[in-house]
Amino acid sequence: MSRQRITSGELHARLVRAYLDARVVDCVSRCPMPDPIFRESHGDGEPNWYVRPSVFCPRHCHRVIADVVAKLGAVYDLDEPPRIAIMPAA
């Protein structure tokens, strides 16, 4: 099954929504969902994006984040970022 391609902003919004639905409400550190970062696909069924690892949270938010990333990673790929053309020096 191919993944749906969406923008980084759309993916982040979906990650945040899924995280807020799944996290422990009484987390006092208010752990944020990291931004998705584009990477070239490895071609082994992995998404073409990742998030930086979260810091340890005593309420296990880092585990919730990892679960959300795994679930949405199976569904979404990022649109490739625009390539910037480098002009040779004259």
C-alpha atoms as a PDB file:
ATOM      1  CA  MET A   1       0.000   0.000   0.000  1.00  0.00           C
ATOM      2  CA  SER A   2       1.418   3.401  -0.934  1.00  0.00           C
ATOM      3  CA  ARG A   3       1.479   6.247   1.525  1.00  0.00           C
ATOM      4  CA  GLN A   4      -0.472   9.451   1.078  1.00  0.00           C
ATOM      5  CA  ARG A   5       1.830  12.406   0.320  1.00  0.00           C
ATOM      6  CA  ILE A   6       1.218  15.509   2.401  1.00  0.00           C
ATOM      7  CA  THR A   7       3.120  18.659   3.360  1.00  0.00           C
ATOM      8  CA  SER A   8       5.283  18.891   6.441  1.00  0.00           C
ATOM      9  CA  GLY A   9       2.777  21.259   8.074  1.00  0.00           C
ATOM     10  CA  GLU A  10      -0.132  18.896   7.444  1.00  0.00           C
ATOM     11  CA  LEU A  11       1.834  15.957   8.807  1.00  0.00           C
ATOM     12  CA  HIS A  12       2.872  17.862  11.919  1.00  0.00           C
ATOM     13  CA  ALA A  13      -0.741  18.858  12.581  1.00  0.00           C
ATOM     14  CA  ARG A  14      -1.841  15.215  12.284  1.00  0.00           C
ATOM     15  CA  LEU A  15       1.008  14.063  14.531  1.00  0.00           C
ATOM     16  CA  VAL A  16       0.070  16.630  17.186  1.00  0.00           C
ATOM     17  CA  ARG A  17      -3.630  15.721  17.032  1.00  0.00           C
ATOM     18  CA  ALA A  18      -2.899  11.992  17.383  1.00  0.00           C
ATOM     19  CA  TYR A  19      -0.407  12.653  20.183  1.00  0.00           C
ATOM     20  CA  LEU A  20      -2.836  14.816  22.158  1.00  0.00           C
ATOM     21  CA  ASP A  21      -5.511  12.128  21.818  1.00  0.00           C
ATOM     22  CA  ALA A  22      -3.151   9.424  23.110  1.00  0.00           C
ATOM     23  CA  ARG A  23      -0.962  11.097  25.747  1.00  0.00           C
ATOM     24  CA  VAL A  24      -1.403  11.074  29.500  1.00  0.00           C
ATOM     25  CA  VAL A  25      -3.344  14.172  30.467  1.00  0.00           C
ATOM     26  CA  ASP A  26      -1.395  14.845  33.668  1.00  0.00           C
ATOM     27  CA  CYS A  27       2.012  15.232  31.985  1.00  0.00           C
ATOM     28  CA  VAL A  28       3.538  18.163  33.859  1.00  0.00           C
ATOM     29  CA  SER A  29       6.434  18.732  31.460  1.00  0.00           C
ATOM     30  CA  ARG A  30       4.111  19.354  28.479  1.00  0.00           C
ATOM     31  CA  CYS A  31       6.238  17.312  26.106  1.00  0.00           C
ATOM     32  CA  PRO A  32       5.989  18.651  22.530  1.00  0.00           C
ATOM     33  CA  MET A  33       5.637  16.635  19.350  1.00  0.00           C
ATOM     34  CA  PRO A  34       8.827  17.176  17.291  1.00  0.00           C
ATOM     35  CA  ASP A  35       8.570  18.430  13.709  1.00  0.00           C
ATOM     36  CA  PRO A  36       8.822  15.840  10.933  1.00  0.00           C
ATOM     37  CA  ILE A  37      12.081  16.023   8.975  1.00  0.00           C
ATOM     38  CA  PHE A  38      12.355  14.943   5.333  1.00  0.00           C
ATOM     39  CA  ARG A  39      14.906  12.277   4.388  1.00  0.00           C
ATOM     40  CA  GLU A  40      15.464  10.201   1.297  1.00  0.00           C
ATOM     41  CA  SER A  41      13.475   6.983   1.463  1.00  0.00           C
ATOM     42  CA  HIS A  42      15.508   3.868   2.169  1.00  0.00           C
ATOM     43  CA  GLY A  43      13.126   1.869  -0.004  1.00  0.00           C
ATOM     44  CA  ASP A  44      12.543  -0.748   2.678  1.00  0.00           C
ATOM     45  CA  GLY A  45       9.004   0.226   3.604  1.00  0.00           C
ATOM     46  CA  GLU A  46      10.119   3.089   5.823  1.00  0.00           C
ATOM     47  CA  PRO A  47       8.566   6.551   5.485  1.00  0.00           C
ATOM     48  CA  ASN A  48      10.586   9.363   3.936  1.00  0.00           C
ATOM     49  CA  TRP A  49      10.541  11.327   7.182  1.00  0.00           C
ATOM     50  CA  TYR A  50      11.460  10.997  10.845  1.00  0.00           C
ATOM     51  CA  VAL A  51      11.296  12.997  14.063  1.00  0.00           C
ATOM     52  CA  ARG A  52      14.145  13.601  16.458  1.00  0.00           C
ATOM     53  CA  PRO A  53      14.014  11.366  19.525  1.00  0.00           C
ATOM     54  CA  SER A  54      12.089  12.840  22.421  1.00  0.00           C
ATOM     55  CA  VAL A  55      13.572  13.331  25.846  1.00  0.00           C
ATOM     56  CA  PHE A  56      12.624  10.863  28.558  1.00  0.00           C
ATOM     57  CA  CYS A  57       9.349  11.731  30.265  1.00  0.00           C
ATOM     58  CA  PRO A  58       8.281  10.156  33.575  1.00  0.00           C
ATOM     59  CA  ARG A  59       4.716   9.995  32.184  1.00  0.00           C
ATOM     60  CA  HIS A  60       5.983   8.056  29.138  1.00  0.00           C
ATOM     61  CA  CYS A  61       5.197  10.742  26.576  1.00  0.00           C
ATOM     62  CA  HIS A  62       8.341   9.709  24.665  1.00  0.00           C
ATOM     63  CA  ARG A  63       6.782   6.274  24.163  1.00  0.00           C
ATOM     64  CA  VAL A  64       3.460   7.764  23.047  1.00  0.00           C
ATOM     65  CA  ILE A  65       5.320   9.950  20.546  1.00  0.00           C
ATOM     66  CA  ALA A  66       7.190   6.919  19.192  1.00  0.00           C
ATOM     67  CA  ASP A  67       3.903   5.002  18.816  1.00  0.00           C
ATOM     68  CA  VAL A  68       2.188   7.892  17.028  1.00  0.00           C
ATOM     69  CA  VAL A  69       5.173   8.320  14.673  1.00  0.00           C
ATOM     70  CA  ALA A  70       5.138   4.591  13.871  1.00  0.00           C
ATOM     71  CA  LYS A  71       1.390   4.585  13.151  1.00  0.00           C
ATOM     72  CA  LEU A  72       1.404   7.679  10.965  1.00  0.00           C
ATOM     73  CA  GLY A  73       4.663   6.623   9.312  1.00  0.00           C
ATOM     74  CA  ALA A  74       2.774   3.695   7.829  1.00  0.00           C
ATOM     75  CA  VAL A  75       0.206   6.062   6.303  1.00  0.00           C
ATOM     76  CA  TYR A  76       1.981   9.259   5.223  1.00  0.00           C
ATOM     77  CA  ASP A  77       5.020  10.371   3.245  1.00  0.00           C
ATOM     78  CA  LEU A  78       6.194  13.959   2.945  1.00  0.00           C
ATOM     79  CA  ASP A  79       6.106  15.875  -0.289  1.00  0.00           C
ATOM     80  CA  GLU A  80       9.709  16.410  -1.293  1.00  0.00           C
ATOM     81  CA  PRO A  81      11.018  19.803  -0.236  1.00  0.00           C
ATOM     82  CA  PRO A  82      11.690  22.199  -3.095  1.00  0.00           C
ATOM     83  CA  ARG A  83      15.188  21.889  -4.512  1.00  0.00           C
ATOM     84  CA  ILE A  84      17.230  25.071  -4.590  1.00  0.00           C
ATOM     85  CA  ALA A  85      19.200  25.605  -7.766  1.00  0.00           C
ATOM     86  CA  ILE A  86      22.726  26.825  -7.152  1.00  0.00           C
ATOM     87  CA  MET A  87      23.885  29.204  -9.812  1.00  0.00           C
ATOM     88  CA  PRO A  88      27.570  28.901 -10.778  1.00  0.00           C
ATOM     89  CA  ALA A  89      29.705  31.938 -10.115  1.00  0.00           C
ATOM     90  CA  ALA A  90      30.161  34.119 -13.169  1.00  0.00           C
END
